Amino acid sequence: MNKLKRKILILFTLIFLILLVSCNQTTTTTLTTTTQTTTTTKQLTTTTKNLSCKAINYEYDVENLNYELVWSDEFDGDALDMTKWAYHTGGSGFGNNELQYYTAGDNLKVENGLLVIEARKEQYQNNQYTSSKIWTRGKAQWLYGKFEIRAKLPSGRGTWPAFWMMPFSSSYGNWPNSGEIDIMEHVGYDMNRIHGSVHTQKYYHKIGTQKTAQIYVQDVDTEFHVYSIEWLPDRIDFYVDGRFYFRFKPSNFVSCPTKAEWPFDKSFYLIINLAIGGDWGGARGIDDSIFPQTLEVDYVRIYQSELIKNLQQTGGSK
C-alpha cells in the first residue's frame, strides 16, 4: 500500500514539474514576443515622428549641388514682359500703412537694359505719392532654388524698396501662417543697411519674433549689388554680392519644426516694389525734397537643382 502511494506521489510530482516547465517556456516566449513588438512599435513611432517634422532629415552636399538657370528677366527690351510679370495696383496701405499708390505702368519703364521703378510726390486718388509694384503671381512660382536680383536702390528718408516672395496659395492659412521671404529690404532713413528676413506663424514682426539679420553694404544707391538667397528644404541662406550673412534654419530653434516654424515647403512667387512711408519706411517721416527716386534692376535670375527638387526626407535622425 505504501509503495502504491509513493508511486502515485512520484507520478503527480512529475506531472507538476512538466506543467511548470511548459508554463515557464510559454511565459518566456510571450515576454520575448511582447518585447520585440514594443521595440518595433517604438521604431515605427520614431520614424513617423521624424517624417512628420519639417525641415529635418534631408541629406545632400550643399557644396556640390548643380544648379541650372530656370527663369530670368534681363530687361533687354523696351517694355515690361507681361508674360513674366503683372502689376499689383492700389493704394490701400498694404497692411503697413504705406502712403503710395501703385500704378499700372505709369511709374515703371524698361530702358537701356534696366527695369526702372520711379516713386514720385504727386496726388493720385487719395494718395500723396505714386510708385510701382510688380510680381510673378499667376505667371510663375517656385519651390527651392537660388534667387538673385542685381539692383541699385533709391535713397532718402521715406523710401522702402523690397525684393521678396509670397506663397502661391495660402496652404497654411492667411499671413503670416503661410510664410513670407524678404530677400532684400532697405529703409532710406538707415542708408546702406540691408535686411533679410522670414515671417511665419511663430516668427513675424508684428509680435516681434521675426527671424532677421542685417548687413552693411556701401553705396547701395550709387552702385549695383546682387541680393540673393539659397532656399533649401531645411534652411534659407541670405547673401549680398555672394557674401553670406544670415541663415534661417528652424531646427536651430525647435527639435521638430512644424508648419508654424517652416511653411516654406510650398511654391512662392516673386515681388519687386518701391514703397513710400509706412510703419517701417516712414518711421522717421518722409523727406519730400528727395523725389523723384528710382529703384533700378539690372536682372532677376532663378536657378534650381534637380537633386533638391526631388529630394525626400530620410527616416533616421540627423
Protein backbone atom coordinates (compact mmCIF):
# COMPACT_ATOMS: atom_id res chain seq x y z
CA MET A 1 0.00 0.00 0.00
CA ASN A 2 2.82 2.39 0.90
CA LYS A 3 4.57 1.52 -2.34
CA LEU A 4 1.43 2.42 -4.30
CA LYS A 5 1.17 5.76 -2.51
CA ARG A 6 4.79 6.53 -3.29
CA LYS A 7 4.28 5.74 -6.98
CA ILE A 8 1.20 7.94 -7.14
CA LEU A 9 3.08 10.78 -5.40
CA ILE A 10 6.01 10.46 -7.79
CA LEU A 11 3.65 10.44 -10.78
CA PHE A 12 1.88 13.65 -9.65
CA THR A 13 5.23 15.27 -8.92
CA LEU A 14 6.43 14.51 -12.46
CA ILE A 15 3.20 15.84 -13.98
CA PHE A 16 3.54 19.05 -11.90
CA LEU A 17 7.14 19.55 -12.99
CA ILE A 18 6.24 19.01 -16.66
CA LEU A 19 3.41 21.55 -16.41
CA LEU A 20 5.67 24.05 -14.60
CA VAL A 21 8.40 23.84 -17.25
CA SER A 22 5.86 24.19 -20.03
CA CYS A 23 4.31 27.25 -18.37
CA ASN A 24 7.71 28.91 -17.94
CA GLN A 25 8.55 28.33 -21.60
CA THR A 26 5.24 29.87 -22.68
CA THR A 27 5.75 32.87 -20.41
CA THR A 28 9.28 33.40 -21.73
CA THR A 29 8.06 33.19 -25.31
CA THR A 30 5.25 35.64 -24.57
CA LEU A 31 7.61 38.10 -22.88
CA THR A 32 10.06 37.86 -25.77
CA THR A 33 7.30 38.48 -28.30
CA THR A 34 5.98 41.43 -26.27
CA THR A 35 9.46 42.95 -26.05
CA GLN A 36 10.00 42.58 -29.78
CA THR A 37 6.60 44.13 -30.51
CA THR A 38 7.31 47.06 -28.15
CA THR A 39 10.70 47.67 -29.80
CA THR A 40 9.16 47.60 -33.29
CA THR A 41 6.39 49.98 -32.18
CA LYS A 42 8.97 52.41 -30.79
CA GLN A 43 10.95 52.29 -34.03
CA LEU A 44 7.82 52.97 -36.09
CA THR A 45 6.81 55.82 -33.78
CA THR A 46 10.26 57.42 -34.05
CA THR A 47 10.27 57.11 -37.84
CA THR A 48 6.76 58.58 -38.10
CA LYS A 49 7.72 61.46 -35.83
CA ASN A 50 10.86 62.20 -37.88
CA LEU A 51 8.88 62.26 -41.12
CA SER A 52 6.16 64.47 -39.61
CA CYS A 53 8.76 67.07 -38.62
CA LYS A 54 9.50 69.62 -41.31
CA ALA A 55 12.94 70.81 -42.45
CA ILE A 56 14.94 67.92 -40.96
CA ASN A 57 16.40 64.65 -42.27
CA TYR A 58 17.37 65.90 -45.73
CA GLU A 59 20.69 64.57 -46.92
CA TYR A 60 22.63 66.49 -49.59
CA ASP A 61 26.04 68.05 -50.17
CA VAL A 62 25.38 71.77 -50.47
CA GLU A 63 28.88 72.43 -51.79
CA ASN A 64 28.35 70.14 -54.78
CA LEU A 65 24.81 70.93 -55.91
CA ASN A 66 24.38 71.50 -59.65
CA TYR A 67 22.15 74.48 -60.43
CA GLU A 68 20.59 75.39 -63.76
CA LEU A 69 19.04 78.70 -64.78
CA VAL A 70 15.28 78.09 -64.98
CA TRP A 71 13.87 81.63 -65.22
CA SER A 72 15.25 85.11 -65.75
CA ASP A 73 14.49 88.61 -66.91
CA GLU A 74 17.42 90.66 -68.23
CA PHE A 75 15.18 93.62 -69.11
CA ASP A 76 16.71 93.90 -72.58
CA GLY A 77 13.55 95.13 -74.31
CA ASP A 78 11.73 98.43 -74.21
CA ALA A 79 8.71 97.34 -72.16
CA LEU A 80 7.89 95.10 -69.23
CA ASP A 81 7.49 91.46 -70.31
CA MET A 82 3.89 90.77 -69.38
CA THR A 83 4.35 87.04 -69.93
CA LYS A 84 6.56 87.11 -66.84
CA TRP A 85 5.17 89.92 -64.70
CA ALA A 86 1.89 91.52 -63.66
CA TYR A 87 1.19 94.85 -62.00
CA HIS A 88 -0.17 94.94 -58.47
CA THR A 89 -2.08 98.20 -58.24
CA GLY A 90 -3.78 100.12 -55.46
CA GLY A 91 -3.28 102.49 -52.59
CA SER A 92 -4.76 100.78 -49.56
CA GLY A 93 -1.62 100.84 -47.42
CA PHE A 94 -0.99 97.11 -47.96
CA GLY A 95 -1.16 96.25 -44.28
CA ASN A 96 1.78 98.53 -43.42
CA ASN A 97 0.17 101.98 -43.70
CA GLU A 98 2.19 102.72 -46.83
CA LEU A 99 1.39 106.03 -48.50
CA GLN A 100 1.96 105.37 -52.21
CA TYR A 101 -0.48 104.39 -54.92
CA TYR A 102 0.88 101.62 -57.15
CA THR A 103 0.01 102.42 -60.76
CA ALA A 104 -0.28 100.07 -63.72
CA GLY A 105 2.82 101.18 -65.60
CA ASP A 106 2.86 104.96 -65.16
CA ASN A 107 5.77 104.67 -62.72
CA LEU A 108 7.72 101.94 -64.50
CA LYS A 109 9.83 101.73 -67.63
CA VAL A 110 12.32 99.37 -69.24
CA GLU A 111 15.23 101.05 -70.99
CA ASN A 112 18.97 100.60 -71.51
CA GLY A 113 18.80 97.06 -70.14
CA LEU A 114 17.22 98.14 -66.87
CA LEU A 115 13.88 97.98 -65.12
CA VAL A 116 13.27 101.38 -63.55
CA ILE A 117 10.59 102.00 -60.92
CA GLU A 118 10.12 105.68 -60.13
CA ALA A 119 8.47 106.97 -56.98
CA ARG A 120 7.02 110.48 -57.19
CA LYS A 121 5.49 113.04 -54.88
CA GLU A 122 2.17 113.59 -56.62
CA GLN A 123 -1.51 113.34 -55.84
CA TYR A 124 -3.20 110.20 -57.15
CA GLN A 125 -6.72 109.46 -55.94
CA ASN A 126 -6.40 109.65 -52.15
CA ASN A 127 -2.62 109.14 -52.06
CA GLN A 128 0.16 111.72 -51.97
CA TYR A 129 2.77 109.53 -53.71
CA THR A 130 2.90 107.14 -56.67
CA SER A 131 5.15 104.19 -57.40
CA SER A 132 5.07 100.68 -58.89
CA LYS A 133 4.89 97.08 -57.77
CA ILE A 134 5.23 94.01 -59.97
CA TRP A 135 5.01 90.32 -59.25
CA THR A 136 5.09 86.91 -60.94
CA ARG A 137 1.86 85.80 -59.27
CA GLY A 138 -0.19 83.85 -61.79
CA LYS A 139 2.80 83.71 -64.15
CA ALA A 140 5.46 81.68 -62.33
CA GLN A 141 6.24 80.28 -58.90
CA TRP A 142 9.00 78.09 -57.50
CA LEU A 143 9.84 75.71 -54.67
CA TYR A 144 13.51 75.87 -53.61
CA GLY A 145 16.37 77.36 -55.58
CA LYS A 146 18.72 80.33 -55.83
CA PHE A 147 17.03 83.70 -56.36
CA GLU A 148 19.08 86.73 -57.42
CA ILE A 149 18.39 90.37 -58.18
CA ARG A 150 21.04 92.88 -59.23
CA ALA A 151 19.81 96.32 -58.31
CA LYS A 152 20.63 99.91 -57.40
CA LEU A 153 18.44 101.27 -54.63
CA PRO A 154 16.82 104.66 -54.01
CA SER A 155 17.99 106.92 -51.21
CA GLY A 156 16.36 109.30 -48.76
CA ARG A 157 14.06 109.24 -45.80
CA GLY A 158 10.74 107.57 -46.57
CA THR A 159 11.86 105.13 -49.30
CA TRP A 160 11.33 101.41 -48.75
CA PRO A 161 12.34 99.13 -51.68
CA ALA A 162 11.95 95.37 -51.42
CA PHE A 163 12.62 92.16 -53.31
CA TRP A 164 10.55 89.43 -51.66
CA MET A 165 8.43 86.30 -52.01
CA MET A 166 4.95 85.21 -51.02
CA PRO A 167 3.18 81.81 -51.19
CA PHE A 168 1.34 80.96 -54.40
CA SER A 169 -1.50 79.53 -52.30
CA SER A 170 -2.22 80.01 -48.61
CA SER A 171 -1.96 76.33 -47.78
CA TYR A 172 -1.36 77.00 -44.09
CA GLY A 173 -3.70 79.98 -43.74
CA ASN A 174 -3.54 83.73 -44.13
CA TRP A 175 -0.44 85.80 -43.49
CA PRO A 176 1.85 85.10 -41.75
CA ASN A 177 0.89 81.42 -41.41
CA SER A 178 1.84 80.50 -44.98
CA GLY A 179 5.12 82.40 -44.85
CA GLU A 180 6.99 85.33 -46.35
CA ILE A 181 10.63 85.56 -47.52
CA ASP A 182 12.19 89.02 -47.66
CA ILE A 183 15.29 88.64 -49.82
CA MET A 184 16.17 92.33 -49.61
CA GLU A 185 14.65 95.29 -47.77
CA HIS A 186 16.11 98.75 -47.23
CA VAL A 187 14.72 101.82 -45.49
CA GLY A 188 16.04 105.19 -46.58
CA TYR A 189 16.47 106.68 -43.11
CA ASP A 190 19.09 103.97 -42.41
CA MET A 191 21.15 104.05 -45.59
CA ASN A 192 23.30 101.11 -46.68
CA ARG A 193 21.86 98.64 -44.17
CA ILE A 194 20.33 95.65 -45.98
CA HIS A 195 17.81 93.42 -44.21
CA GLY A 196 16.93 89.78 -44.90
CA SER A 197 14.01 88.20 -43.04
CA VAL A 198 11.45 85.42 -42.90
CA HIS A 199 7.96 85.54 -41.40
CA THR A 200 5.93 82.54 -40.24
CA GLN A 201 3.07 81.82 -37.85
CA LYS A 202 5.54 81.64 -34.96
CA TYR A 203 8.09 84.20 -36.16
CA TYR A 204 6.82 87.52 -37.52
CA HIS A 205 7.43 91.20 -36.99
CA LYS A 206 4.09 92.27 -35.53
CA ILE A 207 4.76 90.17 -32.43
CA GLY A 208 8.48 90.92 -32.53
CA THR A 209 9.63 87.36 -33.19
CA GLN A 210 10.64 87.55 -36.86
CA LYS A 211 13.92 85.93 -37.83
CA THR A 212 16.06 88.57 -39.48
CA ALA A 213 19.59 89.86 -39.96
CA GLN A 214 21.30 92.91 -41.42
CA ILE A 215 24.47 93.59 -43.37
CA TYR A 216 26.12 96.92 -44.11
CA VAL A 217 26.73 97.46 -47.83
CA GLN A 218 28.42 100.61 -49.12
CA ASP A 219 26.91 102.74 -51.88
CA VAL A 220 23.62 100.88 -52.32
CA ASP A 221 22.15 103.95 -54.06
CA THR A 222 25.06 104.60 -56.45
CA GLU A 223 26.28 101.08 -57.26
CA PHE A 224 24.59 97.86 -58.33
CA HIS A 225 24.69 94.94 -55.88
CA VAL A 226 23.45 91.35 -56.09
CA TYR A 227 20.92 90.38 -53.42
CA SER A 228 20.18 86.67 -53.20
CA ILE A 229 19.01 83.66 -51.24
CA GLU A 230 19.59 79.93 -51.48
CA TRP A 231 16.37 78.24 -50.41
CA LEU A 232 16.79 74.57 -49.47
CA PRO A 233 14.40 72.03 -47.90
CA ASP A 234 15.75 72.68 -44.41
CA ARG A 235 17.09 76.25 -44.47
CA ILE A 236 17.28 79.59 -46.28
CA ASP A 237 20.64 81.37 -46.65
CA PHE A 238 20.93 85.09 -47.41
CA TYR A 239 23.73 86.82 -49.37
CA VAL A 240 24.82 90.18 -50.75
CA ASP A 241 27.36 90.08 -53.58
CA GLY A 242 27.99 86.44 -52.74
CA ARG A 243 28.77 87.24 -49.10
CA PHE A 244 26.77 85.10 -46.67
CA TYR A 245 25.22 86.94 -43.71
CA PHE A 246 22.15 85.09 -42.45
CA ARG A 247 20.74 81.57 -42.20
CA PHE A 248 17.23 80.67 -41.16
CA LYS A 249 17.20 77.02 -40.09
CA PRO A 250 14.16 76.16 -37.95
CA SER A 251 15.77 73.10 -36.36
CA ASN A 252 18.15 75.52 -34.66
CA PHE A 253 15.16 76.79 -32.65
CA VAL A 254 12.95 73.70 -32.20
CA SER A 255 13.73 69.98 -32.36
CA CYS A 256 10.71 69.10 -34.50
CA PRO A 257 9.72 72.04 -36.77
CA THR A 258 6.11 72.22 -37.90
CA LYS A 259 4.28 74.49 -40.32
CA ALA A 260 4.33 77.16 -37.59
CA GLU A 261 8.11 77.44 -37.98
CA TRP A 262 8.57 76.20 -41.56
CA PRO A 263 5.79 76.83 -44.10
CA PHE A 264 8.49 77.00 -46.78
CA ASP A 265 7.73 73.64 -48.42
CA LYS A 266 5.26 75.19 -50.88
CA SER A 267 5.74 77.26 -54.05
CA PHE A 268 6.31 81.03 -53.78
CA TYR A 269 6.23 83.86 -56.32
CA LEU A 270 8.45 86.97 -56.63
CA ILE A 271 7.65 90.62 -55.92
CA ILE A 272 9.57 93.84 -56.65
CA ASN A 273 8.29 97.15 -55.29
CA LEU A 274 9.25 100.59 -54.06
CA ALA A 275 7.05 101.66 -51.16
CA ILE A 276 6.90 105.13 -49.63
CA GLY A 277 6.37 105.69 -45.93
CA GLY A 278 4.59 103.06 -43.92
CA ASP A 279 5.17 101.64 -40.46
CA TRP A 280 8.84 100.94 -41.16
CA GLY A 281 9.77 103.03 -44.19
CA GLY A 282 8.13 106.12 -42.71
CA ALA A 283 9.11 105.54 -39.08
CA ARG A 284 11.18 108.76 -39.17
CA GLY A 285 8.99 110.66 -41.56
CA ILE A 286 9.35 111.39 -45.28
CA ASP A 287 11.68 113.92 -46.86
CA ASP A 288 9.62 115.29 -49.75
CA SER A 289 12.66 117.06 -51.20
CA ILE A 290 14.19 113.78 -52.39
CA PHE A 291 11.61 112.96 -55.07
CA PRO A 292 11.60 111.52 -57.63
CA GLN A 293 13.50 108.41 -56.50
CA THR A 294 14.23 105.28 -58.52
CA LEU A 295 14.80 101.59 -57.99
CA GLU A 296 16.84 100.23 -60.91
CA VAL A 297 17.06 96.50 -61.61
CA ASP A 298 19.63 95.01 -63.97
CA TYR A 299 18.35 91.43 -63.85
CA VAL A 300 16.41 88.80 -61.93
CA ARG A 301 17.67 85.20 -62.18
CA ILE A 302 16.41 81.96 -60.69
CA TYR A 303 18.34 78.70 -60.54
CA GLN A 304 17.20 75.27 -59.41
CA SER A 305 18.82 71.92 -58.64
CA GLU A 306 17.11 68.76 -59.86
CA LEU A 307 18.52 66.86 -56.88
CA ILE A 308 16.93 69.31 -54.42
CA LYS A 309 13.63 69.41 -56.32
CA ASN A 310 13.32 65.63 -56.00
CA LEU A 311 14.86 65.20 -52.55
CA GLN A 312 12.89 63.21 -49.98
CA GLN A 313 13.16 63.08 -46.21
CA THR A 314 15.00 60.14 -44.68
CA GLY A 315 13.58 58.29 -41.68
CA GLY A 316 16.58 58.48 -39.36
CA SER A 317 17.64 61.24 -37.04
CA LYS A 318 20.08 63.87 -38.25
